[in-house]
Amino acid sequence: MTGEPHSVVEARQRADNARARLFATFDELLGAIKHMQQRLEPAHLARDAWEAAKSKGADVAEEAVDAVAKRPVAATGVVAAIALFLAREPLLNLAGKLVKGKAKPAKSKAAKTSKPRKPTPRKDQTETVA
């Protein structure tokens, strides 16, 4: 040996091992931080949100198909109710016209704005006055 006491050599080995463990832990910590940075990038977050929305949408669509298959009459009623709700104003107008009777035809704009014509005198009538 080099003349160092046995305990000093052991102490250096333990220090070297501890230093190696410290650097390994530091490298693991840096790796975890880099991984978290990647997970928190806006593009990654948006991709995860899109995937979750697609998955949830597919689940909802599958459940809707199953519900319609189990109760087709009820599903038809719901669709009809929604259609009536969306078209309520035109339907109310039509019902009002049917109740009042036959709808009056609309007058054209030309008929409303034009003045009545004066009758033009015939040539026969103007000659006999003399």
N, C-alpha and C. Protein backbone atom coordinates (compact mmCIF):
# COMPACT_ATOMS: atom_id res chain seq x y z
N MET A 1 0.81 -1.18 0.00
CA MET A 1 0.00 0.00 0.00
C MET A 1 0.86 1.25 0.00
N THR A 2 0.21 2.36 -0.06
CA THR A 2 0.94 3.62 -0.18
C THR A 2 1.26 4.24 1.17
N GLY A 3 0.97 3.58 2.19
CA GLY A 3 1.29 4.08 3.51
C GLY A 3 0.13 4.76 4.19
N GLU A 4 -1.03 4.82 3.57
CA GLU A 4 -2.19 5.43 4.21
C GLU A 4 -2.84 4.39 5.10
N PRO A 5 -3.40 4.81 6.19
CA PRO A 5 -4.07 3.86 7.06
C PRO A 5 -5.28 3.25 6.35
N HIS A 6 -5.61 2.07 6.78
CA HIS A 6 -6.69 1.32 6.17
C HIS A 6 -8.02 2.06 6.25
N SER A 7 -8.29 2.79 7.30
CA SER A 7 -9.54 3.51 7.48
C SER A 7 -9.66 4.69 6.50
N VAL A 8 -8.54 5.30 6.13
CA VAL A 8 -8.57 6.42 5.19
C VAL A 8 -8.97 5.91 3.80
N VAL A 9 -8.42 4.74 3.41
CA VAL A 9 -8.76 4.17 2.10
C VAL A 9 -10.24 3.83 2.06
N GLU A 10 -10.76 3.26 3.10
CA GLU A 10 -12.18 2.93 3.17
C GLU A 10 -13.02 4.21 3.13
N ALA A 11 -12.58 5.24 3.80
CA ALA A 11 -13.30 6.50 3.82
C ALA A 11 -13.35 7.11 2.42
N ARG A 12 -12.24 7.04 1.69
CA ARG A 12 -12.23 7.56 0.32
C ARG A 12 -13.16 6.75 -0.59
N GLN A 13 -13.16 5.43 -0.41
CA GLN A 13 -14.05 4.60 -1.23
C GLN A 13 -15.52 4.92 -0.92
N ARG A 14 -15.80 5.08 0.36
CA ARG A 14 -17.18 5.44 0.72
C ARG A 14 -17.55 6.82 0.16
N ALA A 15 -16.64 7.73 0.19
CA ALA A 15 -16.89 9.07 -0.35
C ALA A 15 -17.10 8.99 -1.87
N ASP A 16 -16.28 8.20 -2.55
CA ASP A 16 -16.45 8.04 -4.00
C ASP A 16 -17.80 7.39 -4.33
N ASN A 17 -18.18 6.39 -3.55
CA ASN A 17 -19.49 5.74 -3.75
C ASN A 17 -20.63 6.72 -3.49
N ALA A 18 -20.52 7.49 -2.45
CA ALA A 18 -21.55 8.48 -2.13
C ALA A 18 -21.64 9.53 -3.23
N ARG A 19 -20.49 9.99 -3.75
CA ARG A 19 -20.47 10.96 -4.83
C ARG A 19 -21.13 10.37 -6.08
N ALA A 20 -20.84 9.11 -6.39
CA ALA A 20 -21.45 8.45 -7.55
C ALA A 20 -22.97 8.35 -7.37
N ARG A 21 -23.42 7.99 -6.17
CA ARG A 21 -24.87 7.92 -5.91
C ARG A 21 -25.51 9.31 -6.02
N LEU A 22 -24.81 10.33 -5.54
CA LEU A 22 -25.33 11.69 -5.62
C LEU A 22 -25.49 12.12 -7.08
N PHE A 23 -24.49 11.86 -7.90
CA PHE A 23 -24.59 12.22 -9.31
C PHE A 23 -25.66 11.41 -10.04
N ALA A 24 -25.82 10.14 -9.67
CA ALA A 24 -26.88 9.32 -10.28
C ALA A 24 -28.26 9.87 -9.89
N THR A 25 -28.41 10.26 -8.62
CA THR A 25 -29.67 10.82 -8.17
C THR A 25 -29.94 12.14 -8.88
N PHE A 26 -28.89 12.95 -9.04
CA PHE A 26 -29.03 14.22 -9.73
C PHE A 26 -29.44 14.00 -11.20
N ASP A 27 -28.83 13.01 -11.85
CA ASP A 27 -29.20 12.68 -13.24
C ASP A 27 -30.65 12.21 -13.33
N GLU A 28 -31.09 11.40 -12.38
CA GLU A 28 -32.49 10.94 -12.35
C GLU A 28 -33.43 12.13 -12.17
N LEU A 29 -33.05 13.05 -11.29
CA LEU A 29 -33.87 14.23 -11.05
C LEU A 29 -33.96 15.09 -12.31
N LEU A 30 -32.87 15.28 -13.01
CA LEU A 30 -32.89 16.05 -14.25
C LEU A 30 -33.76 15.35 -15.30
N GLY A 31 -33.66 14.03 -15.37
CA GLY A 31 -34.49 13.28 -16.31
C GLY A 31 -35.98 13.45 -16.00
N ALA A 32 -36.32 13.41 -14.72
CA ALA A 32 -37.72 13.59 -14.32
C ALA A 32 -38.20 15.00 -14.66
N ILE A 33 -37.35 15.99 -14.47
CA ILE A 33 -37.72 17.38 -14.79
C ILE A 33 -37.94 17.52 -16.30
N LYS A 34 -37.06 16.95 -17.10
CA LYS A 34 -37.22 17.02 -18.56
C LYS A 34 -38.50 16.33 -19.00
N HIS A 35 -38.80 15.21 -18.37
CA HIS A 35 -40.03 14.48 -18.70
C HIS A 35 -41.26 15.34 -18.36
N MET A 36 -41.24 16.01 -17.22
CA MET A 36 -42.35 16.88 -16.83
C MET A 36 -42.49 18.06 -17.79
N GLN A 37 -41.36 18.61 -18.23
CA GLN A 37 -41.41 19.71 -19.19
C GLN A 37 -42.08 19.27 -20.49
N GLN A 38 -41.74 18.07 -20.95
CA GLN A 38 -42.34 17.56 -22.18
C GLN A 38 -43.84 17.34 -21.99
N ARG A 39 -44.23 16.81 -20.84
CA ARG A 39 -45.66 16.55 -20.60
C ARG A 39 -46.46 17.84 -20.48
N LEU A 40 -45.83 18.92 -20.07
CA LEU A 40 -46.53 20.18 -19.88
C LEU A 40 -46.44 21.12 -21.09
N GLU A 41 -45.85 20.68 -22.18
CA GLU A 41 -45.82 21.50 -23.40
C GLU A 41 -47.24 21.67 -23.92
N PRO A 42 -47.57 22.85 -24.45
CA PRO A 42 -48.93 23.07 -24.96
C PRO A 42 -49.34 22.06 -26.04
N ALA A 43 -48.44 21.71 -26.92
CA ALA A 43 -48.78 20.75 -27.98
C ALA A 43 -49.13 19.39 -27.38
N HIS A 44 -48.38 18.99 -26.39
CA HIS A 44 -48.64 17.69 -25.75
C HIS A 44 -49.95 17.72 -24.98
N LEU A 45 -50.21 18.83 -24.28
CA LEU A 45 -51.47 18.96 -23.54
C LEU A 45 -52.66 18.97 -24.50
N ALA A 46 -52.52 19.68 -25.62
CA ALA A 46 -53.60 19.73 -26.61
C ALA A 46 -53.85 18.34 -27.21
N ARG A 47 -52.79 17.62 -27.50
CA ARG A 47 -52.92 16.27 -28.06
C ARG A 47 -53.62 15.36 -27.06
N ASP A 48 -53.26 15.46 -25.79
CA ASP A 48 -53.91 14.63 -24.77
C ASP A 48 -55.39 14.99 -24.64
N ALA A 49 -55.69 16.28 -24.67
CA ALA A 49 -57.09 16.71 -24.57
C ALA A 49 -57.89 16.22 -25.77
N TRP A 50 -57.29 16.29 -26.97
CA TRP A 50 -57.98 15.83 -28.18
C TRP A 50 -58.25 14.33 -28.10
N GLU A 51 -57.28 13.57 -27.67
CA GLU A 51 -57.46 12.12 -27.55
C GLU A 51 -58.55 11.79 -26.53
N ALA A 52 -58.56 12.51 -25.42
CA ALA A 52 -59.58 12.28 -24.40
C ALA A 52 -60.97 12.63 -24.94
N ALA A 53 -61.08 13.73 -25.68
CA ALA A 53 -62.37 14.13 -26.24
C ALA A 53 -62.85 13.12 -27.27
N LYS A 54 -61.94 12.63 -28.11
CA LYS A 54 -62.32 11.62 -29.10
C LYS A 54 -62.81 10.35 -28.42
N SER A 55 -62.11 9.94 -27.40
CA SER A 55 -62.49 8.73 -26.68
C SER A 55 -63.86 8.91 -26.02
N LYS A 56 -64.07 10.05 -25.38
CA LYS A 56 -65.35 10.31 -24.72
C LYS A 56 -66.47 10.42 -25.75
N GLY A 57 -66.21 11.05 -26.87
CA GLY A 57 -67.21 11.16 -27.93
C GLY A 57 -67.60 9.80 -28.48
N ALA A 58 -66.62 8.94 -28.66
CA ALA A 58 -66.91 7.59 -29.15
C ALA A 58 -67.75 6.82 -28.13
N ASP A 59 -67.44 6.99 -26.85
CA ASP A 59 -68.22 6.32 -25.81
C ASP A 59 -69.66 6.81 -25.79
N VAL A 60 -69.83 8.12 -25.91
CA VAL A 60 -71.19 8.69 -25.90
C VAL A 60 -71.97 8.20 -27.12
N ALA A 61 -71.33 8.18 -28.28
CA ALA A 61 -72.01 7.71 -29.49
C ALA A 61 -72.41 6.25 -29.37
N GLU A 62 -71.54 5.45 -28.80
CA GLU A 62 -71.85 4.03 -28.62
C GLU A 62 -73.02 3.85 -27.66
N GLU A 63 -73.04 4.62 -26.58
CA GLU A 63 -74.15 4.55 -25.64
C GLU A 63 -75.46 5.01 -26.29
N ALA A 64 -75.38 6.04 -27.14
CA ALA A 64 -76.58 6.52 -27.83
C ALA A 64 -77.13 5.46 -28.78
N VAL A 65 -76.26 4.79 -29.49
CA VAL A 65 -76.69 3.73 -30.40
C VAL A 65 -77.35 2.60 -29.62
N ASP A 66 -76.76 2.24 -28.50
CA ASP A 66 -77.34 1.19 -27.66
C ASP A 66 -78.72 1.61 -27.13
N ALA A 67 -78.85 2.87 -26.72
CA ALA A 67 -80.13 3.35 -26.19
C ALA A 67 -81.20 3.36 -27.28
N VAL A 68 -80.84 3.77 -28.49
CA VAL A 68 -81.81 3.77 -29.58
C VAL A 68 -82.21 2.35 -29.95
N ALA A 69 -81.26 1.44 -29.90
CA ALA A 69 -81.57 0.05 -30.23
C ALA A 69 -82.52 -0.55 -29.19
N LYS A 70 -82.38 -0.14 -27.93
CA LYS A 70 -83.25 -0.67 -26.88
C LYS A 70 -84.65 -0.07 -26.94
N ARG A 71 -84.76 1.22 -27.28
CA ARG A 71 -86.05 1.92 -27.27
C ARG A 71 -86.21 2.77 -28.53
N PRO A 72 -86.50 2.15 -29.67
CA PRO A 72 -86.58 2.93 -30.90
C PRO A 72 -87.77 3.89 -30.93
N VAL A 73 -88.89 3.53 -30.31
CA VAL A 73 -90.06 4.41 -30.32
C VAL A 73 -89.78 5.67 -29.50
N ALA A 74 -89.19 5.51 -28.34
CA ALA A 74 -88.87 6.66 -27.51
C ALA A 74 -87.86 7.57 -28.20
N ALA A 75 -86.86 6.98 -28.86
CA ALA A 75 -85.86 7.77 -29.57
C ALA A 75 -86.50 8.56 -30.71
N THR A 76 -87.43 7.93 -31.41
CA THR A 76 -88.12 8.62 -32.49
C THR A 76 -88.94 9.79 -31.94
N GLY A 77 -89.58 9.60 -30.81
CA GLY A 77 -90.34 10.67 -30.18
C GLY A 77 -89.45 11.84 -29.79
N VAL A 78 -88.29 11.55 -29.25
CA VAL A 78 -87.37 12.61 -28.85
C VAL A 78 -86.90 13.39 -30.08
N VAL A 79 -86.55 12.69 -31.15
CA VAL A 79 -86.11 13.36 -32.37
C VAL A 79 -87.24 14.22 -32.94
N ALA A 80 -88.47 13.70 -32.93
CA ALA A 80 -89.61 14.46 -33.43
C ALA A 80 -89.83 15.71 -32.58
N ALA A 81 -89.71 15.58 -31.27
CA ALA A 81 -89.90 16.74 -30.38
C ALA A 81 -88.84 17.80 -30.65
N ILE A 82 -87.62 17.39 -30.86
CA ILE A 82 -86.55 18.35 -31.16
C ILE A 82 -86.83 19.04 -32.50
N ALA A 83 -87.26 18.26 -33.50
CA ALA A 83 -87.56 18.85 -34.81
C ALA A 83 -88.71 19.84 -34.71
N LEU A 84 -89.74 19.52 -33.95
CA LEU A 84 -90.86 20.44 -33.78
C LEU A 84 -90.43 21.72 -33.04
N PHE A 85 -89.56 21.55 -32.07
CA PHE A 85 -89.07 22.71 -31.34
C PHE A 85 -88.28 23.64 -32.26
N LEU A 86 -87.42 23.05 -33.09
CA LEU A 86 -86.60 23.87 -33.98
C LEU A 86 -87.44 24.55 -35.07
N ALA A 87 -88.50 23.90 -35.50
CA ALA A 87 -89.34 24.45 -36.58
C ALA A 87 -90.62 25.07 -36.05
N ARG A 88 -90.64 25.49 -34.80
CA ARG A 88 -91.88 25.96 -34.19
C ARG A 88 -92.43 27.22 -34.84
N GLU A 89 -91.59 28.16 -35.21
CA GLU A 89 -92.10 29.41 -35.77
C GLU A 89 -92.77 29.20 -37.13
N PRO A 90 -92.13 28.51 -38.08
CA PRO A 90 -92.83 28.28 -39.35
C PRO A 90 -94.11 27.47 -39.17
N LEU A 91 -94.11 26.54 -38.25
CA LEU A 91 -95.30 25.73 -38.01
C LEU A 91 -96.43 26.57 -37.41
N LEU A 92 -96.08 27.48 -36.51
CA LEU A 92 -97.10 28.36 -35.92
C LEU A 92 -97.67 29.30 -36.98
N ASN A 93 -96.82 29.80 -37.87
CA ASN A 93 -97.32 30.66 -38.96
C ASN A 93 -98.27 29.89 -39.86
N LEU A 94 -97.93 28.67 -40.19
CA LEU A 94 -98.78 27.85 -41.03
C LEU A 94 -100.11 27.56 -40.34
N ALA A 95 -100.06 27.25 -39.06
CA ALA A 95 -101.29 26.98 -38.31
C ALA A 95 -102.16 28.22 -38.25
N GLY A 96 -101.57 29.40 -38.09
CA GLY A 96 -102.34 30.64 -38.07
C GLY A 96 -103.03 30.89 -39.40
N LYS A 97 -102.36 30.61 -40.49
CA LYS A 97 -102.97 30.79 -41.80
C LYS A 97 -104.12 29.81 -42.01
N LEU A 98 -103.95 28.59 -41.53
CA LEU A 98 -105.00 27.59 -41.68
C LEU A 98 -106.23 27.95 -40.86
N VAL A 99 -106.03 28.53 -39.68
CA VAL A 99 -107.15 28.90 -38.82
C VAL A 99 -107.90 30.09 -39.40
N LYS A 100 -107.20 31.08 -39.92
CA LYS A 100 -107.82 32.27 -40.47
C LYS A 100 -108.54 31.97 -41.78
N GLY A 101 -108.18 30.96 -42.42
CA GLY A 101 -108.77 30.64 -43.72
C GLY A 101 -107.70 30.75 -44.78
N LYS A 102 -108.13 30.83 -45.99
CA LYS A 102 -107.19 30.89 -47.09
C LYS A 102 -106.39 32.20 -47.00
N ALA A 103 -105.13 32.12 -47.19
CA ALA A 103 -104.28 33.29 -47.11
C ALA A 103 -104.51 34.18 -48.31
N LYS A 104 -104.50 35.51 -48.09
CA LYS A 104 -104.69 36.45 -49.18
C LYS A 104 -103.40 36.52 -49.99
N PRO A 105 -103.53 36.58 -51.33
CA PRO A 105 -102.30 36.68 -52.12
C PRO A 105 -101.65 38.04 -51.90
N ALA A 106 -100.38 38.05 -51.87
CA ALA A 106 -99.65 39.28 -51.65
C ALA A 106 -99.66 40.12 -52.91
N LYS A 107 -99.82 41.45 -52.74
CA LYS A 107 -99.81 42.35 -53.88
C LYS A 107 -98.38 42.65 -54.26
N SER A 108 -98.19 42.85 -55.55
CA SER A 108 -96.83 43.16 -56.00
C SER A 108 -96.49 44.59 -55.66
N LYS A 109 -95.23 44.93 -55.60
CA LYS A 109 -94.78 46.28 -55.29
C LYS A 109 -95.19 47.25 -56.39
N ALA A 110 -95.17 46.76 -57.63
CA ALA A 110 -95.52 47.64 -58.75
C ALA A 110 -96.97 48.10 -58.63
N ALA A 111 -97.86 47.25 -58.20
CA ALA A 111 -99.26 47.61 -58.07
C ALA A 111 -99.46 48.62 -56.94
N LYS A 112 -98.68 48.55 -55.89
CA LYS A 112 -98.82 49.45 -54.77
C LYS A 112 -98.29 50.84 -55.08
N THR A 113 -97.23 50.97 -55.84
CA THR A 113 -96.57 52.25 -56.03
C THR A 113 -97.01 52.98 -57.29
N SER A 114 -97.59 52.31 -58.24
CA SER A 114 -97.95 52.99 -59.49
C SER A 114 -99.27 53.76 -59.33
N LYS A 115 -99.37 54.87 -60.07
CA LYS A 115 -100.58 55.69 -60.04
C LYS A 115 -101.56 55.15 -61.09
N PRO A 116 -102.84 55.32 -60.85
CA PRO A 116 -103.80 54.86 -61.87
C PRO A 116 -103.66 55.69 -63.14
N ARG A 117 -103.83 55.06 -64.26
CA ARG A 117 -103.71 55.75 -65.55
C ARG A 117 -104.99 56.53 -65.87
N LYS A 118 -104.80 57.64 -66.55
CA LYS A 118 -105.95 58.39 -67.06
C LYS A 118 -106.29 57.82 -68.42
N PRO A 119 -107.56 57.66 -68.70
CA PRO A 119 -107.91 57.13 -70.02
C PRO A 119 -107.54 58.12 -71.12
N THR A 120 -106.99 57.61 -72.18
CA THR A 120 -106.61 58.47 -73.30
C THR A 120 -107.82 58.66 -74.21
N PRO A 121 -108.07 59.90 -74.66
CA PRO A 121 -109.23 60.14 -75.53
C PRO A 121 -109.01 59.52 -76.91
N ARG A 122 -110.10 59.04 -77.50
CA ARG A 122 -110.02 58.48 -78.85
C ARG A 122 -110.07 59.59 -79.89
N LYS A 123 -109.62 59.27 -81.03
CA LYS A 123 -109.63 60.27 -82.11
C LYS A 123 -111.06 60.60 -82.53
N ASP A 124 -111.98 59.68 -82.48
CA ASP A 124 -113.36 59.93 -82.91
C ASP A 124 -114.00 60.99 -82.03
N GLN A 125 -113.80 60.93 -80.76
CA GLN A 125 -114.46 61.83 -79.84
C GLN A 125 -113.92 63.25 -79.97
N THR A 126 -112.68 63.43 -80.27
CA THR A 126 -112.13 64.77 -80.36
C THR A 126 -112.55 65.48 -81.64
N GLU A 127 -112.84 64.77 -82.69
CA GLU A 127 -113.18 65.39 -83.95
C GLU A 127 -114.62 65.85 -83.97
N THR A 128 -115.51 65.23 -83.22
CA THR A 128 -116.93 65.57 -83.29
C THR A 128 -117.28 66.81 -82.50
N VAL A 129 -116.45 67.37 -81.72
CA VAL A 129 -116.74 68.51 -80.89
C VAL A 129 -116.86 69.78 -81.75
N ALA A 130 -116.31 69.89 -82.84
CA ALA A 130 -116.27 71.10 -83.65
C ALA A 130 -117.56 71.53 -84.18
